[in-house]
Amino acid sequence: DYADSVKGRFTISRDNAKNTVYLQMNSLKPEDTAVYY
């Protein structure tokens, strides 16, 4: 699921073998500026 503001631009995925989750962020905008947790 995604916030409306990032739908179509951001993709979340996970690799359970590596215990890692990713956030691919494309077409970044100034309003995406933030600390990401």
ModelCIF file with pLDDT and N, C-alpha, C, O atoms, coordinates in Angstrom:
data_MODEL
#
_entry.id   MODEL 
#
_entity.id                         1 
_entity.type                       polymer 
_entity.pdbx_number_of_molecules   1 
#
_entity_poly.entity_id                      1 
_entity_poly.type                           'polypeptide(L)' 
_entity_poly.nstd_linkage                   no 
_entity_poly.nstd_monomer                   no 
_entity_poly.pdbx_seq_one_letter_code       DYADSVKGRFTISRDNAKNTVYLQMNSLKPEDTAVYY 
_entity_poly.pdbx_seq_one_letter_code_can   DYADSVKGRFTISRDNAKNTVYLQMNSLKPEDTAVYY 
_entity_poly.pdbx_strand_id                 A 
#
loop_
_entity_poly_seq.entity_id 
_entity_poly_seq.num 
_entity_poly_seq.mon_id 
_entity_poly_seq.hetero 
1 1  ASP n 
1 2  TYR n 
1 3  ALA n 
1 4  ASP n 
1 5  SER n 
1 6  VAL n 
1 7  LYS n 
1 8  GLY n 
1 9  ARG n 
1 10 PHE n 
1 11 THR n 
1 12 ILE n 
1 13 SER n 
1 14 ARG n 
1 15 ASP n 
1 16 ASN n 
1 17 ALA n 
1 18 LYS n 
1 19 ASN n 
1 20 THR n 
1 21 VAL n 
1 22 TYR n 
1 23 LEU n 
1 24 GLN n 
1 25 MET n 
1 26 ASN n 
1 27 SER n 
1 28 LEU n 
1 29 LYS n 
1 30 PRO n 
1 31 GLU n 
1 32 ASP n 
1 33 THR n 
1 34 ALA n 
1 35 VAL n 
1 36 TYR n 
1 37 TYR n 
#
_struct_asym.id          A 
_struct_asym.entity_id   1 
#
loop_
_ma_qa_metric.id 
_ma_qa_metric.mode 
_ma_qa_metric.name 
_ma_qa_metric.software_group_id 
_ma_qa_metric.type 
1 global pLDDT . pLDDT 
2 local  pLDDT . pLDDT 
#
_ma_qa_metric_global.metric_id      1 
_ma_qa_metric_global.metric_value   97.27 
_ma_qa_metric_global.model_id       1 
_ma_qa_metric_global.ordinal_id     1 
#
loop_
_ma_qa_metric_local.label_asym_id 
_ma_qa_metric_local.label_comp_id 
_ma_qa_metric_local.label_seq_id 
_ma_qa_metric_local.metric_id 
_ma_qa_metric_local.metric_value 
_ma_qa_metric_local.model_id 
_ma_qa_metric_local.ordinal_id 
A ASP 1  2 98.00 1 1  
A TYR 2  2 98.00 1 2  
A ALA 3  2 98.00 1 3  
A ASP 4  2 98.00 1 4  
A SER 5  2 98.00 1 5  
A VAL 6  2 98.00 1 6  
A LYS 7  2 98.00 1 7  
A GLY 8  2 98.00 1 8  
A ARG 9  2 98.00 1 9  
A PHE 10 2 98.00 1 10 
A THR 11 2 98.00 1 11 
A ILE 12 2 98.00 1 12 
A SER 13 2 98.00 1 13 
A ARG 14 2 97.00 1 14 
A ASP 15 2 96.00 1 15 
A ASN 16 2 92.00 1 16 
A ALA 17 2 92.00 1 17 
A LYS 18 2 94.00 1 18 
A ASN 19 2 94.00 1 19 
A THR 20 2 96.00 1 20 
A VAL 21 2 98.00 1 21 
A TYR 22 2 98.00 1 22 
A LEU 23 2 98.00 1 23 
A GLN 24 2 98.00 1 24 
A MET 25 2 98.00 1 25 
A ASN 26 2 98.00 1 26 
A SER 27 2 98.00 1 27 
A LEU 28 2 98.00 1 28 
A LYS 29 2 98.00 1 29 
A PRO 30 2 97.00 1 30 
A GLU 31 2 97.00 1 31 
A ASP 32 2 98.00 1 32 
A THR 33 2 98.00 1 33 
A ALA 34 2 98.00 1 34 
A VAL 35 2 98.00 1 35 
A TYR 36 2 98.00 1 36 
A TYR 37 2 98.00 1 37 
#
loop_
_atom_site.group_PDB 
_atom_site.id 
_atom_site.type_symbol 
_atom_site.label_atom_id 
_atom_site.label_alt_id 
_atom_site.label_comp_id 
_atom_site.label_asym_id 
_atom_site.label_entity_id 
_atom_site.label_seq_id 
_atom_site.pdbx_PDB_ins_code 
_atom_site.Cartn_x 
_atom_site.Cartn_y 
_atom_site.Cartn_z 
_atom_site.occupancy 
_atom_site.B_iso_or_equiv 
_atom_site.pdbx_formal_charge 
_atom_site.auth_seq_id 
_atom_site.auth_comp_id 
_atom_site.auth_asym_id 
_atom_site.auth_atom_id 
_atom_site.pdbx_PDB_model_num 
ATOM 1   N N  . ASP A 1 1  ? 0.859  -1.180  0.000   1.00 98.00 ? 1  ASP A N  1 
ATOM 2   C CA . ASP A 1 1  ? 0.000  0.000   0.000   1.00 98.00 ? 1  ASP A CA 1 
ATOM 3   C C  . ASP A 1 1  ? 0.896  1.232   0.000   1.00 98.00 ? 1  ASP A C  1 
ATOM 4   O O  . ASP A 1 1  ? 2.016  1.198   0.510   1.00 98.00 ? 1  ASP A O  1 
ATOM 5   N N  . TYR A 1 2  ? 0.393  2.316   -0.576  1.00 98.00 ? 2  TYR A N  1 
ATOM 6   C CA . TYR A 1 2  ? 1.168  3.537   -0.692  1.00 98.00 ? 2  TYR A CA 1 
ATOM 7   C C  . TYR A 1 2  ? 0.315  4.751   -0.379  1.00 98.00 ? 2  TYR A C  1 
ATOM 8   O O  . TYR A 1 2  ? -0.903 4.741   -0.557  1.00 98.00 ? 2  TYR A O  1 
ATOM 9   N N  . ALA A 1 3  ? 0.973  5.787   0.086   1.00 98.00 ? 3  ALA A N  1 
ATOM 10  C CA . ALA A 1 3  ? 0.307  7.077   0.202   1.00 98.00 ? 3  ALA A CA 1 
ATOM 11  C C  . ALA A 1 3  ? 0.001  7.593   -1.200  1.00 98.00 ? 3  ALA A C  1 
ATOM 12  O O  . ALA A 1 3  ? 0.755  7.345   -2.141  1.00 98.00 ? 3  ALA A O  1 
ATOM 13  N N  . ASP A 1 4  ? -1.098 8.304   -1.330  1.00 98.00 ? 4  ASP A N  1 
ATOM 14  C CA . ASP A 1 4  ? -1.487 8.827   -2.639  1.00 98.00 ? 4  ASP A CA 1 
ATOM 15  C C  . ASP A 1 4  ? -0.390 9.699   -3.242  1.00 98.00 ? 4  ASP A C  1 
ATOM 16  O O  . ASP A 1 4  ? -0.215 9.734   -4.460  1.00 98.00 ? 4  ASP A O  1 
ATOM 17  N N  . SER A 1 5  ? 0.336  10.390  -2.394  1.00 98.00 ? 5  SER A N  1 
ATOM 18  C CA . SER A 1 5  ? 1.351  11.332  -2.868  1.00 98.00 ? 5  SER A CA 1 
ATOM 19  C C  . SER A 1 5  ? 2.541  10.650  -3.541  1.00 98.00 ? 5  SER A C  1 
ATOM 20  O O  . SER A 1 5  ? 3.304  11.297  -4.258  1.00 98.00 ? 5  SER A O  1 
ATOM 21  N N  . VAL A 1 6  ? 2.702  9.343   -3.313  1.00 98.00 ? 6  VAL A N  1 
ATOM 22  C CA . VAL A 1 6  ? 3.859  8.642   -3.877  1.00 98.00 ? 6  VAL A CA 1 
ATOM 23  C C  . VAL A 1 6  ? 3.467  7.522   -4.840  1.00 98.00 ? 6  VAL A C  1 
ATOM 24  O O  . VAL A 1 6  ? 4.338  6.912   -5.460  1.00 98.00 ? 6  VAL A O  1 
ATOM 25  N N  . LYS A 1 7  ? 2.183  7.247   -4.969  1.00 98.00 ? 7  LYS A N  1 
ATOM 26  C CA . LYS A 1 7  ? 1.739  6.171   -5.856  1.00 98.00 ? 7  LYS A CA 1 
ATOM 27  C C  . LYS A 1 7  ? 2.226  6.410   -7.275  1.00 98.00 ? 7  LYS A C  1 
ATOM 28  O O  . LYS A 1 7  ? 2.131  7.515   -7.808  1.00 98.00 ? 7  LYS A O  1 
ATOM 29  N N  . GLY A 1 8  ? 2.751  5.347   -7.872  1.00 98.00 ? 8  GLY A N  1 
ATOM 30  C CA . GLY A 1 8  ? 3.270  5.443   -9.233  1.00 98.00 ? 8  GLY A CA 1 
ATOM 31  C C  . GLY A 1 8  ? 4.700  5.915   -9.306  1.00 98.00 ? 8  GLY A C  1 
ATOM 32  O O  . GLY A 1 8  ? 5.323  5.824   -10.363 1.00 98.00 ? 8  GLY A O  1 
ATOM 33  N N  . ARG A 1 9  ? 5.238  6.418   -8.207  1.00 98.00 ? 9  ARG A N  1 
ATOM 34  C CA . ARG A 1 9  ? 6.635  6.891   -8.185  1.00 98.00 ? 9  ARG A CA 1 
ATOM 35  C C  . ARG A 1 9  ? 7.509  6.042   -7.269  1.00 98.00 ? 9  ARG A C  1 
ATOM 36  O O  . ARG A 1 9  ? 8.678  5.805   -7.574  1.00 98.00 ? 9  ARG A O  1 
ATOM 37  N N  . PHE A 1 10 ? 6.953  5.584   -6.152  1.00 98.00 ? 10 PHE A N  1 
ATOM 38  C CA . PHE A 1 10 ? 7.713  4.827   -5.156  1.00 98.00 ? 10 PHE A CA 1 
ATOM 39  C C  . PHE A 1 10 ? 7.281  3.365   -5.193  1.00 98.00 ? 10 PHE A C  1 
ATOM 40  O O  . PHE A 1 10 ? 6.121  3.050   -5.460  1.00 98.00 ? 10 PHE A O  1 
ATOM 41  N N  . THR A 1 11 ? 8.236  2.482   -4.921  1.00 98.00 ? 11 THR A N  1 
ATOM 42  C CA . THR A 1 11 ? 7.957  1.056   -4.847  1.00 98.00 ? 11 THR A CA 1 
ATOM 43  C C  . THR A 1 11 ? 8.644  0.470   -3.625  1.00 98.00 ? 11 THR A C  1 
ATOM 44  O O  . THR A 1 11 ? 9.847  0.647   -3.433  1.00 98.00 ? 11 THR A O  1 
ATOM 45  N N  . ILE A 1 12 ? 7.876  -0.226  -2.807  1.00 98.00 ? 12 ILE A N  1 
ATOM 46  C CA . ILE A 1 12 ? 8.439  -0.909  -1.637  1.00 98.00 ? 12 ILE A CA 1 
ATOM 47  C C  . ILE A 1 12 ? 8.597  -2.381  -1.978  1.00 98.00 ? 12 ILE A C  1 
ATOM 48  O O  . ILE A 1 12 ? 7.739  -2.974  -2.631  1.00 98.00 ? 12 ILE A O  1 
ATOM 49  N N  . SER A 1 13 ? 9.697  -2.960  -1.531  1.00 98.00 ? 13 SER A N  1 
ATOM 50  C CA . SER A 1 13 ? 9.954  -4.381  -1.766  1.00 98.00 ? 13 SER A CA 1 
ATOM 51  C C  . SER A 1 13 ? 10.756 -4.920  -0.590  1.00 98.00 ? 13 SER A C  1 
ATOM 52  O O  . SER A 1 13 ? 11.231 -4.167  0.260   1.00 98.00 ? 13 SER A O  1 
ATOM 53  N N  . ARG A 1 14 ? 10.894 -6.233  -0.564  1.00 97.00 ? 14 ARG A N  1 
ATOM 54  C CA . ARG A 1 14 ? 11.647 -6.839  0.532   1.00 97.00 ? 14 ARG A CA 1 
ATOM 55  C C  . ARG A 1 14 ? 12.392 -8.067  0.026   1.00 97.00 ? 14 ARG A C  1 
ATOM 56  O O  . ARG A 1 14 ? 11.976 -8.730  -0.924  1.00 97.00 ? 14 ARG A O  1 
ATOM 57  N N  . ASP A 1 15 ? 13.500 -8.344  0.688   1.00 96.00 ? 15 ASP A N  1 
ATOM 58  C CA . ASP A 1 15 ? 14.285 -9.552  0.426   1.00 96.00 ? 15 ASP A CA 1 
ATOM 59  C C  . ASP A 1 15 ? 14.443 -10.234 1.770   1.00 96.00 ? 15 ASP A C  1 
ATOM 60  O O  . ASP A 1 15 ? 15.301 -9.861  2.570   1.00 96.00 ? 15 ASP A O  1 
ATOM 61  N N  . ASN A 1 16 ? 13.609 -11.240 2.016   1.00 92.00 ? 16 ASN A N  1 
ATOM 62  C CA . ASN A 1 16 ? 13.634 -11.892 3.321   1.00 92.00 ? 16 ASN A CA 1 
ATOM 63  C C  . ASN A 1 16 ? 14.928 -12.667 3.563   1.00 92.00 ? 16 ASN A C  1 
ATOM 64  O O  . ASN A 1 16 ? 15.323 -12.876 4.710   1.00 92.00 ? 16 ASN A O  1 
ATOM 65  N N  . ALA A 1 17 ? 15.579 -13.086 2.500   1.00 92.00 ? 17 ALA A N  1 
ATOM 66  C CA . ALA A 1 17 ? 16.859 -13.786 2.661   1.00 92.00 ? 17 ALA A CA 1 
ATOM 67  C C  . ALA A 1 17 ? 17.939 -12.848 3.188   1.00 92.00 ? 17 ALA A C  1 
ATOM 68  O O  . ALA A 1 17 ? 18.893 -13.285 3.832   1.00 92.00 ? 17 ALA A O  1 
ATOM 69  N N  . LYS A 1 18 ? 17.781 -11.557 2.910   1.00 94.00 ? 18 LYS A N  1 
ATOM 70  C CA . LYS A 1 18 ? 18.753 -10.559 3.359   1.00 94.00 ? 18 LYS A CA 1 
ATOM 71  C C  . LYS A 1 18 ? 18.239 -9.724  4.523   1.00 94.00 ? 18 LYS A C  1 
ATOM 72  O O  . LYS A 1 18 ? 18.915 -8.803  4.983   1.00 94.00 ? 18 LYS A O  1 
ATOM 73  N N  . ASN A 1 19 ? 17.030 -10.052 4.999   1.00 94.00 ? 19 ASN A N  1 
ATOM 74  C CA . ASN A 1 19 ? 16.432 -9.276  6.102   1.00 94.00 ? 19 ASN A CA 1 
ATOM 75  C C  . ASN A 1 19 ? 16.426 -7.783  5.793   1.00 94.00 ? 19 ASN A C  1 
ATOM 76  O O  . ASN A 1 19 ? 16.758 -6.957  6.643   1.00 94.00 ? 19 ASN A O  1 
ATOM 77  N N  . THR A 1 20 ? 16.049 -7.459  4.585   1.00 96.00 ? 20 THR A N  1 
ATOM 78  C CA . THR A 1 20 ? 16.117 -6.067  4.138   1.00 96.00 ? 20 THR A CA 1 
ATOM 79  C C  . THR A 1 20 ? 14.843 -5.669  3.403   1.00 96.00 ? 20 THR A C  1 
ATOM 80  O O  . THR A 1 20 ? 14.289 -6.445  2.624   1.00 96.00 ? 20 THR A O  1 
ATOM 81  N N  . VAL A 1 21 ? 14.393 -4.459  3.662   1.00 98.00 ? 21 VAL A N  1 
ATOM 82  C CA . VAL A 1 21 ? 13.280 -3.878  2.925   1.00 98.00 ? 21 VAL A CA 1 
ATOM 83  C C  . VAL A 1 21 ? 13.808 -2.644  2.198   1.00 98.00 ? 21 VAL A C  1 
ATOM 84  O O  . VAL A 1 21 ? 14.685 -1.936  2.693   1.00 98.00 ? 21 VAL A O  1 
ATOM 85  N N  . TYR A 1 22 ? 13.252 -2.409  1.015   1.00 98.00 ? 22 TYR A N  1 
ATOM 86  C CA . TYR A 1 22 ? 13.726 -1.328  0.166   1.00 98.00 ? 22 TYR A CA 1 
ATOM 87  C C  . TYR A 1 22 ? 12.599 -0.350  -0.159  1.00 98.00 ? 22 TYR A C  1 
ATOM 88  O O  . TYR A 1 22 ? 11.420 -0.701  -0.120  1.00 98.00 ? 22 TYR A O  1 
ATOM 89  N N  . LEU A 1 23 ? 12.981 0.862   -0.474  1.00 98.00 ? 23 LEU A N  1 
ATOM 90  C CA . LEU A 1 23 ? 12.049 1.841   -1.006  1.00 98.00 ? 23 LEU A CA 1 
ATOM 91  C C  . LEU A 1 23 ? 12.711 2.482   -2.224  1.00 98.00 ? 23 LEU A C  1 
ATOM 92  O O  . LEU A 1 23 ? 13.629 3.292   -2.097  1.00 98.00 ? 23 LEU A O  1 
ATOM 93  N N  . GLN A 1 24 ? 12.228 2.104   -3.401  1.00 98.00 ? 24 GLN A N  1 
ATOM 94  C CA . GLN A 1 24 ? 12.712 2.698   -4.637  1.00 98.00 ? 24 GLN A CA 1 
ATOM 95  C C  . GLN A 1 24 ? 11.913 3.960   -4.898  1.00 98.00 ? 24 GLN A C  1 
ATOM 96  O O  . GLN A 1 24 ? 10.687 3.913   -4.999  1.00 98.00 ? 24 GLN A O  1 
ATOM 97  N N  . MET A 1 25 ? 12.594 5.076   -5.006  1.00 98.00 ? 25 MET A N  1 
ATOM 98  C CA . MET A 1 25 ? 11.934 6.368   -5.178  1.00 98.00 ? 25 MET A CA 1 
ATOM 99  C C  . MET A 1 25 ? 12.356 6.970   -6.514  1.00 98.00 ? 25 MET A C  1 
ATOM 100 O O  . MET A 1 25 ? 13.529 7.273   -6.730  1.00 98.00 ? 25 MET A O  1 
ATOM 101 N N  . ASN A 1 26 ? 11.395 7.137   -7.391  1.00 98.00 ? 26 ASN A N  1 
ATOM 102 C CA . ASN A 1 26 ? 11.650 7.711   -8.704  1.00 98.00 ? 26 ASN A CA 1 
ATOM 103 C C  . ASN A 1 26 ? 10.941 9.050   -8.854  1.00 98.00 ? 26 ASN A C  1 
ATOM 104 O O  . ASN A 1 26 ? 10.028 9.370   -8.093  1.00 98.00 ? 26 ASN A O  1 
ATOM 105 N N  . SER A 1 27 ? 11.363 9.816   -9.828  1.00 98.00 ? 27 SER A N  1 
ATOM 106 C CA . SER A 1 27 ? 10.734 11.112  -10.128 1.00 98.00 ? 27 SER A CA 1 
ATOM 107 C C  . SER A 1 27 ? 10.576 11.952  -8.865  1.00 98.00 ? 27 SER A C  1 
ATOM 108 O O  . SER A 1 27 ? 9.494  12.459  -8.572  1.00 98.00 ? 27 SER A O  1 
ATOM 109 N N  . LEU A 1 28 ? 11.650 12.087  -8.138  1.00 98.00 ? 28 LEU A N  1 
ATOM 110 C CA . LEU A 1 28 ? 11.592 12.776  -6.857  1.00 98.00 ? 28 LEU A CA 1 
ATOM 111 C C  . LEU A 1 28 ? 11.248 14.246  -7.021  1.00 98.00 ? 28 LEU A C  1 
ATOM 112 O O  . LEU A 1 28 ? 11.639 14.897  -7.990  1.00 98.00 ? 28 LEU A O  1 
ATOM 113 N N  . LYS A 1 29 ? 10.505 14.747  -6.045  1.00 98.00 ? 29 LYS A N  1 
ATOM 114 C CA . LYS A 1 29 ? 10.035 16.124  -6.021  1.00 98.00 ? 29 LYS A CA 1 
ATOM 115 C C  . LYS A 1 29 ? 10.552 16.807  -4.755  1.00 98.00 ? 29 LYS A C  1 
ATOM 116 O O  . LYS A 1 29 ? 10.898 16.131  -3.786  1.00 98.00 ? 29 LYS A O  1 
ATOM 117 N N  . PRO A 1 30 ? 10.607 18.131  -4.753  1.00 97.00 ? 30 PRO A N  1 
ATOM 118 C CA . PRO A 1 30 ? 11.049 18.826  -3.529  1.00 97.00 ? 30 PRO A CA 1 
ATOM 119 C C  . PRO A 1 30 ? 10.207 18.468  -2.311  1.00 97.00 ? 30 PRO A C  1 
ATOM 120 O O  . PRO A 1 30 ? 10.716 18.437  -1.191  1.00 97.00 ? 30 PRO A O  1 
ATOM 121 N N  . GLU A 1 31 ? 8.928  18.200  -2.523  1.00 97.00 ? 31 GLU A N  1 
ATOM 122 C CA . GLU A 1 31 ? 8.051  17.859  -1.391  1.00 97.00 ? 31 GLU A CA 1 
ATOM 123 C C  . GLU A 1 31 ? 8.320  16.469  -0.828  1.00 97.00 ? 31 GLU A C  1 
ATOM 124 O O  . GLU A 1 31 ? 7.732  16.091  0.185   1.00 97.00 ? 31 GLU A O  1 
ATOM 125 N N  . ASP A 1 32 ? 9.201  15.704  -1.468  1.00 98.00 ? 32 ASP A N  1 
ATOM 126 C CA . ASP A 1 32 ? 9.615  14.420  -0.915  1.00 98.00 ? 32 ASP A CA 1 
ATOM 127 C C  . ASP A 1 32 ? 10.738 14.577  0.107   1.00 98.00 ? 32 ASP A C  1 
ATOM 128 O O  . ASP A 1 32 ? 11.132 13.608  0.755   1.00 98.00 ? 32 ASP A O  1 
ATOM 129 N N  . THR A 1 33 ? 11.247 15.787  0.248   1.00 98.00 ? 33 THR A N  1 
ATOM 130 C CA . THR A 1 33 ? 12.311 16.039  1.214   1.00 98.00 ? 33 THR A CA 1 
ATOM 131 C C  . THR A 1 33 ? 11.819 15.754  2.622   1.00 98.00 ? 33 THR A C  1 
ATOM 132 O O  . THR A 1 33 ? 10.812 16.308  3.063   1.00 98.00 ? 33 THR A O  1 
ATOM 133 N N  . ALA A 1 34 ? 12.538 14.885  3.326   1.00 98.00 ? 34 ALA A N  1 
ATOM 134 C CA . ALA A 1 34 ? 12.130 14.474  4.666   1.00 98.00 ? 34 ALA A CA 1 
ATOM 135 C C  . ALA A 1 34 ? 13.162 13.498  5.217   1.00 98.00 ? 34 ALA A C  1 
ATOM 136 O O  . ALA A 1 34 ? 14.061 13.047  4.507   1.00 98.00 ? 34 ALA A O  1 
ATOM 137 N N  . VAL A 1 35 ? 13.010 13.189  6.485   1.00 98.00 ? 35 VAL A N  1 
ATOM 138 C CA . VAL A 1 35 ? 13.724 12.057  7.068   1.00 98.00 ? 35 VAL A CA 1 
ATOM 139 C C  . VAL A 1 35 ? 12.827 10.838  6.900   1.00 98.00 ? 35 VAL A C  1 
ATOM 140 O O  . VAL A 1 35 ? 11.657 10.856  7.281   1.00 98.00 ? 35 VAL A O  1 
ATOM 141 N N  . TYR A 1 36 ? 13.384 9.791   6.332   1.00 98.00 ? 36 TYR A N  1 
ATOM 142 C CA . TYR A 1 36 ? 12.632 8.572   6.059   1.00 98.00 ? 36 TYR A CA 1 
ATOM 143 C C  . TYR A 1 36 ? 12.976 7.509   7.091   1.00 98.00 ? 36 TYR A C  1 
ATOM 144 O O  . TYR A 1 36 ? 14.144 7.245   7.377   1.00 98.00 ? 36 TYR A O  1 
ATOM 145 N N  . TYR A 1 37 ? 11.925 6.904   7.642   1.00 98.00 ? 37 TYR A N  1 
ATOM 146 C CA . TYR A 1 37 ? 12.082 5.888   8.675   1.00 98.00 ? 37 TYR A CA 1 
ATOM 147 C C  . TYR A 1 37 ? 11.466 4.569   8.209   1.00 98.00 ? 37 TYR A C  1 
ATOM 148 O O  . TYR A 1 37 ? 11.495 3.581   8.942   1.00 98.00 ? 37 TYR A O  1 
#
